[in-house]
Protein backbone atom coordinates (compact mmCIF):
# COMPACT_ATOMS: atom_id res chain seq x y z
CA MET A 1 0.06 0.29 -0.13
CA ASN A 2 3.36 2.48 0.67
CA LEU A 3 4.47 1.71 -2.92
CA TYR A 4 1.00 2.83 -4.21
CA VAL A 5 0.70 5.40 -2.01
CA GLN A 6 4.31 6.83 -4.24
CA GLY A 7 2.19 5.75 -7.67
CA PHE A 8 3.33 2.59 -8.17
CA THR A 9 0.77 1.22 -9.23
CA HIS A 10 3.02 -2.04 -10.74
CA GLN A 11 5.12 -4.15 -8.33
CA LYS A 12 6.90 -7.23 -8.01
CA PHE A 13 5.66 -10.02 -5.57
CA PHE A 14 8.62 -11.88 -4.33
CA PRO A 15 9.05 -14.61 -2.96
CA ALA A 16 5.67 -15.29 -4.76
CA GLU A 17 5.78 -18.93 -3.51
CA ALA A 18 6.68 -18.52 0.49
CA ALA A 19 4.59 -15.75 0.77
CA GLY A 20 1.50 -17.47 -0.25
CA GLY A 21 1.27 -17.78 -3.59
CA VAL A 22 -1.98 -17.41 -5.61
CA PRO A 23 -4.33 -17.76 -2.77
CA MET A 24 -2.50 -14.53 -1.61
CA LEU A 25 -2.66 -12.40 -4.86
CA LYS A 26 -6.10 -13.78 -4.76
CA SER A 27 -6.64 -11.35 -1.24
CA ILE A 28 -5.13 -8.70 -2.24
CA GLY A 29 -6.25 -8.04 -5.74
CA GLY A 30 -10.05 -7.98 -3.47
CA PRO A 31 -9.18 -4.58 -1.67
CA LEU A 32 -6.70 -3.40 -3.78
CA PRO A 33 -7.79 -3.98 -7.96
CA GLN A 34 -5.92 -1.17 -9.27
CA ILE A 35 -2.31 -2.97 -8.45
CA THR A 36 -0.88 -5.20 -10.43
CA PHE A 37 1.90 -7.94 -9.75
CA CYS A 38 4.86 -9.56 -11.71
CA PRO A 39 5.00 -12.85 -8.94
CA THR A 40 8.75 -13.97 -8.73
CA GLY A 41 10.11 -17.02 -6.17
CA GLY A 42 9.60 -20.49 -6.39
CA ILE A 43 7.33 -20.37 -9.51
CA ASP A 44 7.89 -23.01 -12.80
CA LEU A 45 6.08 -23.59 -15.72
CA ALA A 46 3.71 -25.45 -13.70
CA LYS A 47 2.76 -22.97 -11.55
CA ALA A 48 2.63 -19.81 -13.66
CA PRO A 49 -0.66 -20.74 -15.68
CA SER A 50 -2.03 -20.72 -11.94
CA TYR A 51 -0.70 -16.99 -11.79
CA LEU A 52 -1.46 -15.88 -15.13
CA ALA A 53 -5.34 -16.09 -14.46
CA LEU A 54 -5.54 -13.72 -11.93
CA PRO A 55 -6.85 -10.39 -13.20
CA ASN A 56 -4.23 -9.00 -10.50
CA VAL A 57 -1.06 -10.55 -12.43
CA HIS A 58 0.11 -9.32 -15.27
CA CYS A 59 3.46 -11.32 -15.29
CA VAL A 60 5.77 -13.77 -13.75
CA GLY A 61 8.75 -14.16 -13.59
CA GLY A 62 11.06 -17.60 -12.75
CA THR A 63 14.71 -19.05 -13.21
CA TRP A 64 13.30 -22.14 -15.01
CA MET A 65 13.59 -20.05 -18.10
CA ALA A 66 17.19 -19.28 -18.18
CA PRO A 67 18.63 -21.87 -15.53
CA LYS A 68 22.41 -21.51 -14.32
CA GLU A 69 23.72 -24.17 -15.40
CA LEU A 70 21.95 -23.60 -19.07
CA MET A 71 23.92 -20.13 -19.05
CA LYS A 72 26.44 -21.54 -17.94
CA ALA A 73 27.05 -24.09 -20.82
CA GLY A 74 26.36 -21.56 -23.49
CA ARG A 75 23.18 -23.93 -24.15
CA TRP A 76 21.27 -20.67 -25.58
CA ASP A 77 19.61 -22.83 -28.21
CA GLU A 78 17.62 -24.17 -24.47
CA ILE A 79 17.29 -21.35 -23.07
CA GLU A 80 15.28 -19.63 -26.49
CA ARG A 81 13.40 -22.65 -26.13
CA LEU A 82 12.24 -22.06 -22.32
CA ALA A 83 11.88 -18.65 -23.24
CA ARG A 84 9.24 -19.07 -25.56
CA GLU A 85 7.62 -21.90 -24.13
CA ALA A 86 6.77 -19.16 -21.69
CA ALA A 87 5.89 -16.57 -23.48
CA SER A 88 3.27 -19.10 -24.91
CA LEU A 89 1.46 -19.79 -22.02
CA PRO A 90 -2.10 -18.70 -21.92
CA ARG A 91 -3.42 -15.83 -20.07
CA SER A 92 -7.44 -15.42 -18.56
């Protein structure tokens, strides 16, 4: 709420899963529908759609799209594949 008062209507929600995940964002959306979030932290490809289905979630972030092992190995093709897979997730 403090950030909203300062004019920030788009905010990061981290660590999303540890802080209550989808149920917490649903709860926040009731009294504060004017704030949208980018949840990160503990989200993976399987969990992302449930976040993206929320009206107060603009996008999600996650290290699953660019794992350290793939970056270290220079597997940019695999990172691109993972990023494209994430970008193709349906939004509600």
